[in-house]
N, C-alpha and C. Protein backbone atom coordinates (compact mmCIF):
# COMPACT_ATOMS: atom_id res chain seq x y z
N MET A 1 20.82 6.98 4.97
CA MET A 1 20.99 7.20 3.35
C MET A 1 20.17 8.70 3.56
N THR A 2 20.44 9.91 2.45
CA THR A 2 19.87 11.56 2.51
C THR A 2 18.82 10.59 1.08
N HIS A 3 17.80 11.90 1.48
CA HIS A 3 16.87 12.11 0.65
C HIS A 3 16.59 11.87 -0.76
N SER A 4 17.84 12.88 -1.56
CA SER A 4 18.44 12.15 -2.85
C SER A 4 18.74 10.90 -3.44
N LEU A 5 19.56 10.17 -2.46
CA LEU A 5 19.67 9.02 -2.61
C LEU A 5 18.88 7.92 -2.55
N ARG A 6 17.94 8.19 -1.63
CA ARG A 6 17.01 7.01 -1.34
C ARG A 6 15.88 7.33 -2.84
N TYR A 7 15.91 8.51 -3.06
CA TYR A 7 14.92 8.68 -4.17
C TYR A 7 15.44 8.48 -5.62
N LEU A 8 16.84 8.08 -5.83
CA LEU A 8 17.53 8.04 -7.10
C LEU A 8 17.41 6.15 -6.99
N SER A 9 17.96 5.32 -5.47
CA SER A 9 17.81 4.57 -5.63
C SER A 9 16.09 3.57 -6.09
N LEU A 10 15.53 4.68 -5.88
CA LEU A 10 13.81 3.82 -6.27
C LEU A 10 13.57 4.43 -7.31
N LEU A 11 14.03 5.15 -7.96
CA LEU A 11 13.99 5.45 -9.50
C LEU A 11 14.87 5.04 -10.11
N GLY A 12 15.75 3.96 -9.42
CA GLY A 12 16.60 3.14 -10.09
C GLY A 12 15.86 1.66 -10.67
N VAL A 13 14.95 1.49 -9.24
CA VAL A 13 14.33 0.22 -9.33
C VAL A 13 13.08 0.56 -10.58
N VAL A 14 12.58 0.99 -9.94
CA VAL A 14 11.62 1.98 -10.99
C VAL A 14 11.80 1.72 -12.63
N LEU A 15 13.28 2.09 -13.17
CA LEU A 15 13.63 1.77 -14.56
C LEU A 15 14.23 0.35 -14.58
N ILE A 16 14.04 0.14 -13.67
CA ILE A 16 14.47 -1.62 -13.99
C ILE A 16 13.46 -2.39 -14.70
N THR A 17 12.27 -1.95 -13.44
CA THR A 17 10.94 -2.97 -13.68
C THR A 17 10.44 -2.50 -15.02
N LEU A 18 10.57 -1.40 -15.14
CA LEU A 18 9.96 -0.83 -16.37
C LEU A 18 10.57 -1.53 -17.95
N ALA A 19 12.37 -1.88 -17.90
CA ALA A 19 12.69 -2.68 -18.76
C ALA A 19 12.36 -3.96 -18.92
N CYS A 20 11.78 -4.47 -17.68
CA CYS A 20 12.11 -5.78 -17.40
C CYS A 20 10.47 -6.41 -17.72
N THR A 21 9.64 -5.34 -18.12
CA THR A 21 8.18 -5.60 -19.08
C THR A 21 7.88 -5.23 -19.71
N SER A 22 6.75 -5.67 -20.32
CA SER A 22 6.23 -5.75 -21.82
C SER A 22 5.74 -4.23 -21.68
N SER A 23 4.83 -3.84 -22.81
CA SER A 23 4.31 -2.43 -22.69
C SER A 23 2.67 -2.64 -21.83
N LYS A 24 2.45 -4.40 -21.59
CA LYS A 24 0.90 -4.29 -20.87
C LYS A 24 1.02 -3.81 -18.97
N ASN A 25 0.49 -3.69 -19.03
CA ASN A 25 0.44 -3.12 -17.05
C ASN A 25 -0.08 -4.01 -16.17
N PRO A 26 0.97 -4.79 -15.68
CA PRO A 26 0.55 -5.44 -14.42
C PRO A 26 -0.53 -5.76 -13.63
N THR A 27 -0.90 -6.95 -13.57
CA THR A 27 -2.02 -6.94 -13.03
C THR A 27 -1.41 -7.57 -11.17
N VAL A 28 -2.40 -6.85 -10.53
CA VAL A 28 -2.29 -7.98 -9.14
C VAL A 28 -3.89 -8.20 -8.72
N ILE A 29 -3.93 -9.16 -7.35
CA ILE A 29 -5.02 -9.57 -7.06
C ILE A 29 -4.90 -9.24 -5.38
N ILE A 30 -5.39 -8.23 -5.29
CA ILE A 30 -5.66 -8.16 -3.62
C ILE A 30 -6.65 -9.59 -2.60
N ASP A 31 -6.56 -9.89 -1.84
CA ASP A 31 -7.07 -11.53 -1.41
C ASP A 31 -7.39 -10.24 0.13
N THR A 32 -8.77 -10.67 0.32
CA THR A 32 -9.22 -9.88 1.79
C THR A 32 -9.72 -11.05 2.40
N ASP A 33 -9.68 -10.64 4.09
CA ASP A 33 -11.15 -11.62 4.40
C ASP A 33 -12.42 -11.20 3.87
N HIS A 34 -12.88 -10.65 3.12
CA HIS A 34 -14.45 -10.47 2.45
C HIS A 34 -14.13 -10.30 0.89
N GLY A 35 -13.71 -11.04 0.07
CA GLY A 35 -13.14 -10.92 -1.23
C GLY A 35 -11.96 -10.94 -1.92
N THR A 36 -12.05 -11.18 -3.35
CA THR A 36 -11.01 -10.36 -3.87
C THR A 36 -11.23 -9.38 -4.44
N ILE A 37 -10.14 -8.45 -4.92
CA ILE A 37 -10.09 -7.17 -6.07
C ILE A 37 -8.80 -7.67 -6.68
N THR A 38 -9.27 -7.44 -8.23
CA THR A 38 -7.98 -7.32 -8.71
C THR A 38 -8.00 -6.29 -9.55
N ALA A 39 -6.34 -5.68 -9.68
CA ALA A 39 -6.28 -4.29 -10.17
C ALA A 39 -5.08 -4.24 -11.40
N GLU A 40 -5.62 -3.10 -12.14
CA GLU A 40 -4.27 -2.86 -13.28
C GLU A 40 -3.43 -2.10 -12.55
N ILE A 41 -2.26 -2.06 -12.65
CA ILE A 41 -1.17 -0.81 -11.96
C ILE A 41 -0.60 -0.30 -12.89
N TYR A 42 -0.90 1.48 -13.28
CA TYR A 42 -0.29 1.84 -14.08
C TYR A 42 0.64 2.19 -14.42
N LEU A 43 1.84 1.22 -14.53
CA LEU A 43 3.33 1.34 -13.81
C LEU A 43 3.64 2.54 -15.34
N GLN A 44 3.67 1.95 -16.38
CA GLN A 44 3.99 3.22 -17.51
C GLN A 44 3.67 4.85 -17.63
N GLN A 45 2.46 4.93 -16.92
CA GLN A 45 1.81 6.54 -16.43
C GLN A 45 2.37 6.67 -15.38
N ALA A 46 2.37 6.13 -14.41
CA ALA A 46 2.91 6.16 -12.67
C ALA A 46 3.62 5.96 -12.02
N PRO A 47 5.28 5.77 -13.08
CA PRO A 47 6.31 4.95 -12.70
C PRO A 47 6.61 4.94 -10.69
N ILE A 48 6.66 6.12 -10.28
CA ILE A 48 6.91 6.66 -9.13
C ILE A 48 5.83 5.84 -7.97
N SER A 49 4.78 6.19 -8.12
CA SER A 49 4.18 5.46 -6.96
C SER A 49 3.39 3.87 -7.62
N ALA A 50 3.28 3.47 -9.08
CA ALA A 50 3.18 2.32 -9.47
C ALA A 50 4.69 1.51 -8.92
N GLY A 51 5.30 1.99 -9.13
CA GLY A 51 6.47 1.15 -9.19
C GLY A 51 7.08 0.90 -7.63
N ASN A 52 7.00 1.83 -6.55
CA ASN A 52 7.13 1.73 -5.42
C ASN A 52 5.62 0.48 -5.10
N PHE A 53 4.72 0.74 -5.39
CA PHE A 53 3.78 -0.26 -4.68
C PHE A 53 4.21 -1.71 -5.25
N LEU A 54 4.97 -1.88 -6.84
CA LEU A 54 4.84 -3.12 -7.14
C LEU A 54 5.98 -3.91 -6.38
N LYS A 55 7.26 -2.75 -6.15
CA LYS A 55 8.29 -3.41 -4.95
C LYS A 55 7.99 -3.84 -3.75
N LEU A 56 6.85 -3.50 -3.58
CA LEU A 56 6.15 -3.92 -2.03
C LEU A 56 5.61 -4.80 -1.90
N VAL A 57 4.84 -5.46 -3.21
CA VAL A 57 4.03 -6.39 -3.35
C VAL A 57 5.20 -7.23 -4.02
N ASP A 58 6.15 -7.36 -4.60
CA ASP A 58 7.17 -8.34 -4.95
C ASP A 58 7.90 -8.53 -3.93
N GLU A 59 8.04 -7.87 -3.19
CA GLU A 59 8.86 -8.03 -2.18
C GLU A 59 7.91 -8.62 -0.65
N GLY A 60 6.91 -9.18 -0.84
CA GLY A 60 5.91 -9.80 0.03
C GLY A 60 5.67 -9.12 1.14
N HIS A 61 5.69 -7.59 1.51
CA HIS A 61 5.09 -6.86 2.34
C HIS A 61 4.05 -7.41 2.78
N TYR A 62 3.14 -6.73 2.01
CA TYR A 62 1.69 -7.23 2.20
C TYR A 62 0.88 -8.34 2.65
N ASP A 63 1.83 -9.85 2.42
CA ASP A 63 1.50 -10.85 2.49
C ASP A 63 2.18 -11.17 4.18
N GLN A 64 2.49 -10.21 4.97
CA GLN A 64 3.28 -10.09 6.26
C GLN A 64 2.24 -10.44 7.57
N GLY A 65 1.17 -9.92 7.34
CA GLY A 65 -0.39 -10.30 7.89
C GLY A 65 -0.34 -8.76 8.97
N ASN A 66 0.04 -7.76 8.32
CA ASN A 66 0.13 -6.59 8.92
C ASN A 66 -0.60 -5.68 8.13
N ALA A 67 -0.85 -6.17 6.80
CA ALA A 67 -1.26 -5.45 6.04
C ALA A 67 -3.30 -5.36 6.23
N VAL A 68 -3.81 -4.20 5.98
CA VAL A 68 -5.42 -4.44 6.31
C VAL A 68 -6.12 -3.18 5.90
N PHE A 69 -7.40 -3.27 5.78
CA PHE A 69 -8.37 -1.82 5.03
C PHE A 69 -8.90 -1.62 6.60
N TYR A 70 -8.52 -0.32 6.88
CA TYR A 70 -9.09 0.40 8.30
C TYR A 70 -9.49 1.40 8.28
N ARG A 71 -10.08 2.15 7.40
CA ARG A 71 -10.55 3.42 7.20
C ARG A 71 -11.34 3.33 5.86
N VAL A 72 -12.69 3.98 6.19
CA VAL A 72 -13.58 3.88 5.15
C VAL A 72 -14.29 5.33 5.15
N THR A 73 -14.89 6.13 3.92
CA THR A 73 -15.01 7.38 4.48
C THR A 73 -16.19 6.53 3.15
N ARG A 74 -17.81 7.61 3.67
CA ARG A 74 -18.72 7.83 3.19
C ARG A 74 -19.90 9.13 3.45
N ALA A 75 -21.04 9.57 3.29
CA ALA A 75 -21.31 10.23 3.38
C ALA A 75 -21.63 10.38 4.81
N ASP A 76 -22.25 9.91 5.26
CA ASP A 76 -22.48 9.68 6.63
C ASP A 76 -21.11 9.80 7.52
N ASN A 77 -20.36 9.68 7.30
CA ASN A 77 -19.32 10.22 8.21
C ASN A 77 -18.22 10.92 8.16
N GLN A 78 -18.48 11.87 7.42
CA GLN A 78 -17.53 13.06 6.99
C GLN A 78 -18.14 14.45 7.70
N PRO A 79 -18.87 14.49 9.00
CA PRO A 79 -19.93 15.75 9.27
C PRO A 79 -18.93 16.76 8.88
N HIS A 80 -17.58 16.95 9.68
CA HIS A 80 -17.01 18.25 9.44
C HIS A 80 -16.21 18.50 8.20
N ASN A 81 -16.70 17.47 7.28
CA ASN A 81 -15.74 17.83 5.65
C ASN A 81 -16.95 18.31 4.54
N ALA A 82 -16.16 19.62 4.39
CA ALA A 82 -16.67 20.39 3.46
C ALA A 82 -16.95 19.79 1.79
N VAL A 83 -15.65 18.91 1.21
CA VAL A 83 -16.09 17.85 0.31
C VAL A 83 -16.09 16.65 1.02
N LYS A 84 -16.66 16.19 0.57
CA LYS A 84 -16.73 14.83 0.72
C LYS A 84 -16.39 13.58 0.09
N ILE A 85 -15.80 12.16 0.45
CA ILE A 85 -15.54 11.62 -0.62
C ILE A 85 -15.89 10.14 -0.93
N ASP A 86 -15.79 9.41 -1.13
CA ASP A 86 -15.84 7.93 -0.94
C ASP A 86 -14.95 6.87 -1.32
N VAL A 87 -14.12 6.33 -0.02
CA VAL A 87 -12.83 5.59 -0.98
C VAL A 87 -12.90 4.20 0.36
N ILE A 88 -12.06 3.60 0.63
CA ILE A 88 -11.14 3.09 1.26
C ILE A 88 -10.23 2.30 1.52
N GLN A 89 -9.53 2.60 2.54
CA GLN A 89 -8.20 2.98 2.67
C GLN A 89 -7.26 1.50 3.52
N GLY A 90 -6.27 1.54 3.27
CA GLY A 90 -5.40 0.43 3.69
C GLY A 90 -4.03 0.23 3.26
N GLY A 91 -3.28 -1.13 3.49
CA GLY A 91 -2.16 -1.04 3.35
C GLY A 91 -1.14 -1.25 4.65
N LEU A 92 -0.10 -1.20 4.81
CA LEU A 92 0.96 -1.12 6.18
C LEU A 92 0.35 -0.28 6.85
N TYR A 93 -0.33 -0.25 7.49
CA TYR A 93 -0.84 0.87 8.50
C TYR A 93 0.50 1.18 9.33
N HIS A 94 0.51 2.48 9.16
CA HIS A 94 1.79 2.76 9.45
C HIS A 94 3.29 2.30 9.60
N GLU A 95 3.63 1.34 9.04
CA GLU A 95 4.88 0.87 8.75
C GLU A 95 5.59 1.58 9.19
N ALA A 96 6.73 1.10 9.94
CA ALA A 96 7.95 2.05 10.19
C ALA A 96 8.92 2.22 9.03
N ASN A 97 8.90 0.74 8.66
CA ASN A 97 10.40 0.78 7.16
C ASN A 97 10.08 1.43 6.06
N ALA A 98 8.71 1.32 5.76
CA ALA A 98 8.48 1.88 4.29
C ALA A 98 8.68 3.09 4.06
N GLU A 99 9.39 3.47 3.00
CA GLU A 99 10.14 4.71 3.12
C GLU A 99 9.23 5.61 1.93
N ALA A 100 8.96 7.11 2.00
CA ALA A 100 8.04 8.00 1.38
C ALA A 100 8.66 8.01 -0.11
N ILE A 101 7.97 8.90 -0.68
CA ILE A 101 8.15 8.74 -2.31
C ILE A 101 7.80 9.66 -2.76
N PRO A 102 8.93 10.29 -3.72
CA PRO A 102 8.23 11.86 -4.19
C PRO A 102 6.52 11.77 -4.90
N HIS A 103 5.79 12.85 -4.35
CA HIS A 103 4.43 12.61 -4.86
C HIS A 103 4.50 13.02 -6.41
N GLU A 104 3.37 12.14 -7.05
CA GLU A 104 3.56 12.44 -8.49
C GLU A 104 2.11 12.91 -8.91
N THR A 105 1.76 13.78 -9.34
CA THR A 105 0.50 14.40 -9.29
C THR A 105 -0.31 13.87 -10.40
N THR A 106 -1.67 13.67 -10.33
CA THR A 106 -2.51 13.45 -11.37
C THR A 106 -2.33 14.63 -12.53
N GLN A 107 -2.28 16.20 -12.39
CA GLN A 107 -1.87 16.60 -13.59
C GLN A 107 -0.47 16.24 -14.24
N GLU A 108 1.31 15.66 -13.67
CA GLU A 108 1.88 14.83 -14.16
C GLU A 108 1.26 13.65 -15.51
N THR A 109 0.34 12.57 -14.56
CA THR A 109 0.48 11.36 -14.91
C THR A 109 -0.91 11.19 -15.94
N ARG A 110 -1.72 13.01 -15.64
CA ARG A 110 -2.87 12.61 -16.43
C ARG A 110 -3.63 11.45 -16.30
N LEU A 111 -3.70 10.73 -14.99
CA LEU A 111 -4.84 9.68 -14.60
C LEU A 111 -5.90 10.39 -13.48
N HIS A 112 -6.78 10.04 -13.60
CA HIS A 112 -7.57 10.80 -12.87
C HIS A 112 -8.01 9.83 -11.67
N HIS A 113 -9.00 10.24 -10.06
CA HIS A 113 -9.97 9.80 -9.36
C HIS A 113 -10.83 9.26 -10.29
N VAL A 114 -11.15 8.15 -10.76
CA VAL A 114 -12.52 7.71 -11.49
C VAL A 114 -12.65 6.34 -10.58
N ASP A 115 -14.22 5.91 -10.70
CA ASP A 115 -14.45 5.22 -10.00
C ASP A 115 -13.66 3.44 -9.82
N GLY A 116 -12.95 2.82 -8.64
CA GLY A 116 -12.16 2.30 -9.16
C GLY A 116 -10.82 2.34 -9.00
N SER A 117 -10.73 3.70 -8.92
CA SER A 117 -8.82 3.94 -8.75
C SER A 117 -8.18 3.70 -7.30
N LEU A 118 -7.29 3.41 -7.50
CA LEU A 118 -6.06 3.32 -6.54
C LEU A 118 -5.01 4.19 -6.98
N SER A 119 -4.63 4.98 -5.32
CA SER A 119 -4.40 5.98 -5.13
C SER A 119 -3.62 6.32 -4.14
N MET A 120 -2.23 6.64 -3.72
CA MET A 120 -1.36 6.71 -2.79
C MET A 120 -2.02 7.25 -1.54
N ALA A 121 -2.45 6.91 -0.20
CA ALA A 121 -2.26 8.07 0.47
C ALA A 121 -1.74 8.20 1.19
N ARG A 122 -1.87 9.66 1.56
CA ARG A 122 -0.44 10.79 2.05
C ARG A 122 -0.65 11.52 3.41
N ALA A 123 0.11 12.38 3.81
CA ALA A 123 0.20 13.65 4.16
C ALA A 123 0.38 14.77 3.48
N GLU A 124 1.52 15.53 3.87
CA GLU A 124 2.21 16.55 3.03
C GLU A 124 2.80 15.58 1.66
N PRO A 125 2.54 16.38 0.30
CA PRO A 125 3.50 15.77 -0.55
C PRO A 125 4.74 15.15 -0.04
N GLY A 126 5.18 14.01 -0.68
CA GLY A 126 6.07 13.24 -0.43
C GLY A 126 6.33 12.68 0.79
N THR A 127 4.95 12.32 1.15
CA THR A 127 5.30 11.53 2.70
C THR A 127 4.72 9.73 2.10
N ALA A 128 3.92 10.19 0.97
CA ALA A 128 3.22 8.16 0.78
C ALA A 128 4.36 7.24 0.56
N SER A 129 3.71 6.57 1.52
CA SER A 129 4.43 5.15 1.34
C SER A 129 3.98 3.83 0.66
N SER A 130 3.12 3.24 1.98
CA SER A 130 2.57 1.83 1.78
C SER A 130 1.15 1.63 1.71
N GLU A 131 0.30 3.11 2.03
CA GLU A 131 -0.73 2.89 1.94
C GLU A 131 -1.60 3.64 0.85
N PHE A 132 -2.21 3.16 0.40
CA PHE A 132 -3.25 3.05 -0.48
C PHE A 132 -4.83 3.65 -0.11
N PHE A 133 -5.54 4.05 -1.20
CA PHE A 133 -7.40 3.98 -1.17
C PHE A 133 -7.76 3.46 -2.39
N ILE A 134 -8.96 3.40 -2.79
CA ILE A 134 -9.50 3.19 -3.63
C ILE A 134 -11.12 3.57 -3.66
N CYS A 135 -11.05 4.45 -4.71
CA CYS A 135 -12.11 5.24 -4.93
C CYS A 135 -13.66 4.37 -5.38
N ILE A 136 -14.51 4.80 -4.44
CA ILE A 136 -15.64 4.43 -5.08
C ILE A 136 -16.72 5.90 -5.63
N GLY A 137 -17.06 5.52 -7.22
CA GLY A 137 -17.47 6.74 -7.51
C GLY A 137 -16.35 7.53 -8.26
N ASP A 138 -16.29 8.34 -9.36
CA ASP A 138 -15.54 9.44 -9.41
C ASP A 138 -15.51 10.82 -8.48
N GLN A 139 -14.15 10.86 -8.19
CA GLN A 139 -13.64 11.78 -7.21
C GLN A 139 -12.55 12.88 -7.36
N PRO A 140 -13.61 13.35 -8.37
CA PRO A 140 -12.36 14.95 -8.55
C PRO A 140 -11.94 15.58 -8.01
N GLU A 141 -12.35 15.73 -6.63
CA GLU A 141 -11.48 16.57 -5.42
C GLU A 141 -10.01 16.41 -5.39
N LEU A 142 -10.42 14.65 -5.92
CA LEU A 142 -8.62 14.47 -5.06
C LEU A 142 -7.68 14.54 -6.01
N ASP A 143 -7.87 14.65 -7.36
CA ASP A 143 -6.79 14.93 -8.49
C ASP A 143 -6.46 16.62 -8.35
N PHE A 144 -5.20 16.67 -8.70
CA PHE A 144 -4.61 18.00 -8.62
C PHE A 144 -5.60 19.21 -8.73
N GLY A 145 -5.53 19.94 -7.42
CA GLY A 145 -6.09 21.46 -7.67
C GLY A 145 -7.74 21.15 -7.50
N GLY A 146 -7.96 20.20 -6.89
CA GLY A 146 -8.74 19.31 -6.11
C GLY A 146 -9.00 19.89 -4.45
N LYS A 147 -10.55 20.15 -4.07
CA LYS A 147 -10.31 20.97 -2.64
C LYS A 147 -10.15 20.05 -1.37
N ARG A 148 -10.02 18.69 -1.94
CA ARG A 148 -10.04 17.80 -0.68
C ARG A 148 -8.43 17.78 0.38
N ASN A 149 -7.76 18.17 -0.15
CA ASN A 149 -6.80 18.95 0.87
C ASN A 149 -6.10 19.63 0.35
N PRO A 150 -6.21 20.47 1.48
CA PRO A 150 -5.80 22.18 1.54
C PRO A 150 -4.62 22.61 -0.02
N ASP A 151 -3.58 21.84 0.81
CA ASP A 151 -2.18 21.88 -0.76
C ASP A 151 -2.57 22.22 -2.18
N GLY A 152 -3.89 21.71 -2.49
CA GLY A 152 -4.10 21.33 -4.12
C GLY A 152 -3.68 20.86 -4.52
N GLN A 153 -2.69 19.55 -4.02
CA GLN A 153 -1.38 19.07 -5.09
C GLN A 153 -2.49 17.42 -5.42
N GLY A 154 -3.75 16.87 -4.46
CA GLY A 154 -4.20 15.96 -4.70
C GLY A 154 -3.45 14.82 -4.37
N PHE A 155 -3.86 13.61 -5.03
CA PHE A 155 -3.10 12.56 -4.54
C PHE A 155 -2.61 11.39 -6.02
N ALA A 156 -2.25 10.79 -5.82
CA ALA A 156 -0.96 10.02 -6.52
C ALA A 156 -1.66 8.21 -7.44
N VAL A 157 -2.33 8.62 -8.44
CA VAL A 157 -3.35 7.72 -9.00
C VAL A 157 -2.64 6.48 -9.73
N PHE A 158 -2.18 5.38 -8.71
CA PHE A 158 -1.42 4.45 -10.22
C PHE A 158 -2.36 3.36 -9.86
N GLY A 159 -3.12 2.92 -10.14
CA GLY A 159 -3.77 1.89 -10.96
C GLY A 159 -5.43 2.07 -10.89
N ARG A 160 -6.25 1.08 -11.20
CA ARG A 160 -7.68 0.80 -11.10
C ARG A 160 -8.16 -0.76 -11.18
N VAL A 161 -9.18 -0.76 -10.36
CA VAL A 161 -9.84 -2.24 -10.41
C VAL A 161 -11.00 -2.13 -11.58
N THR A 162 -10.21 -3.75 -11.72
CA THR A 162 -10.92 -4.56 -12.80
C THR A 162 -12.18 -5.45 -12.29
N ASP A 163 -11.62 -6.23 -11.30
CA ASP A 163 -13.05 -6.78 -10.69
C ASP A 163 -12.65 -6.88 -9.38
N GLY A 164 -13.73 -6.58 -8.64
CA GLY A 164 -14.33 -7.11 -7.66
C GLY A 164 -14.78 -6.05 -6.88
N MET A 165 -14.92 -4.82 -7.62
CA MET A 165 -15.80 -3.59 -7.22
C MET A 165 -17.08 -4.03 -6.10
N SER A 166 -17.34 -5.05 -5.65
CA SER A 166 -18.47 -5.32 -4.80
C SER A 166 -18.03 -5.45 -3.92
N THR A 167 -16.67 -6.38 -3.44
CA THR A 167 -15.57 -6.41 -2.25
C THR A 167 -15.18 -4.75 -2.00
N VAL A 168 -14.95 -4.20 -2.64
CA VAL A 168 -14.80 -2.50 -2.25
C VAL A 168 -16.19 -2.69 -1.70
N HIS A 169 -17.25 -1.93 -2.33
CA HIS A 169 -18.33 -1.55 -1.61
C HIS A 169 -18.82 -2.32 -0.26
N ASP A 170 -18.57 -3.68 -0.08
CA ASP A 170 -18.81 -4.35 1.20
C ASP A 170 -18.03 -3.93 1.90
N ILE A 171 -16.90 -3.33 1.71
CA ILE A 171 -15.83 -2.94 2.86
C ILE A 171 -16.05 -1.63 3.42
N GLN A 172 -16.63 -1.03 2.67
CA GLN A 172 -16.73 0.40 3.03
C GLN A 172 -18.02 0.22 3.57
N ALA A 173 -18.82 -0.60 3.53
CA ALA A 173 -20.65 -0.56 4.39
C ALA A 173 -20.10 -1.20 5.73
N LEU A 174 -18.71 -1.57 6.05
CA LEU A 174 -18.86 -2.12 7.36
C LEU A 174 -18.62 -1.24 8.65
N PRO A 175 -18.83 -1.51 9.65
CA PRO A 175 -19.60 -0.88 10.79
C PRO A 175 -18.20 -0.05 10.79
N ASP A 176 -18.02 1.56 11.80
CA ASP A 176 -17.08 2.03 11.17
C ASP A 176 -17.34 2.80 12.89
N ARG A 177 -15.67 3.83 13.04
CA ARG A 177 -16.51 4.50 14.57
C ARG A 177 -15.44 5.67 14.04
N GLY A 178 -16.22 6.74 13.61
CA GLY A 178 -14.95 8.03 13.09
C GLY A 178 -14.31 7.80 11.90
N GLN A 179 -14.87 6.82 10.77
CA GLN A 179 -14.22 6.37 9.49
C GLN A 179 -13.01 5.51 9.75
N TYR A 180 -12.79 5.09 11.25
CA TYR A 180 -12.08 3.78 11.38
C TYR A 180 -12.95 2.55 11.63
N LEU A 181 -12.53 1.49 10.63
CA LEU A 181 -13.43 0.69 10.69
C LEU A 181 -13.47 -0.29 12.40
N ILE A 182 -14.56 -0.56 12.94
CA ILE A 182 -14.49 -1.05 14.06
C ILE A 182 -13.65 -2.47 14.27
N GLU A 183 -13.64 -3.35 12.74
CA GLU A 183 -12.87 -4.39 12.79
C GLU A 183 -11.86 -4.20 11.58
N PRO A 184 -11.14 -3.79 11.41
CA PRO A 184 -10.19 -3.85 9.91
C PRO A 184 -10.37 -5.46 9.52
N VAL A 185 -10.09 -4.82 7.81
CA VAL A 185 -10.30 -6.27 7.07
C VAL A 185 -8.96 -6.65 6.84
N LYS A 186 -8.60 -7.63 7.15
CA LYS A 186 -7.18 -8.29 7.16
C LYS A 186 -7.01 -8.22 5.20
N ILE A 187 -5.85 -7.78 5.01
CA ILE A 187 -5.55 -7.98 3.94
C ILE A 187 -4.55 -9.18 3.99
N ARG A 188 -4.85 -10.75 3.24
CA ARG A 188 -4.20 -11.76 3.48
C ARG A 188 -2.52 -11.73 2.36
N SER A 189 -3.32 -11.22 0.91
CA SER A 189 -1.81 -11.05 0.48
C SER A 189 -2.38 -10.11 -0.94
N ILE A 190 -1.17 -9.61 -1.53
CA ILE A 190 -1.45 -9.01 -2.96
C ILE A 190 -0.35 -9.76 -3.33
N ARG A 191 -0.60 -10.03 -4.53
CA ARG A 191 0.58 -10.60 -5.91
C ARG A 191 -0.01 -10.17 -7.04
N ARG A 192 1.25 -10.12 -7.49
CA ARG A 192 1.20 -10.25 -9.22
C ARG A 192 1.09 -11.38 -9.66
N LEU A 193 -0.32 -11.01 -10.83
CA LEU A 193 -0.37 -12.07 -11.51
C LEU A 193 0.41 -12.30 -13.11
N PRO A 194 1.01 -13.48 -13.19
CA PRO A 194 2.33 -13.44 -14.33
C PRO A 194 1.67 -13.03 -15.87
């Protein structure tokens, strides 16, 4: 399937999801080995990123035993980064079947990387798929125009933690080796609340 057809297919799923939901943003529960995290997903404001995440949630991809939080960044483990950030990163680590989605900048959505934000992890713009991170504290350098990524495109915010930041802090404090957790934290499930 060509990139254009995949994009149109994803856009169709997003539009159907939007049509079937009320104006209230969906809520998900992320159940981990270290506790639960509740997050509001900004489907109206970030339809591509949020729609992709909810599609993976609804299809049970995060419930199949291969989703983990595996990377943490803190001031003490980024010695070579001029711009330091505080996040935990996880998802379907290098899941081969996850399709990349178009990049949805914070300039377009008007969402920002504030404390508790969920955002899509990526390499180049347009490579985000199933991995995401949660901000600890405000992280403006991850927004469009920020200096954390040399391309200046920032990352795509699509939700925010509403309960469970203590779990996020606990995960960030776990022992790591070069930002990668020595023992990744298993994501048991991510489910949408009715």
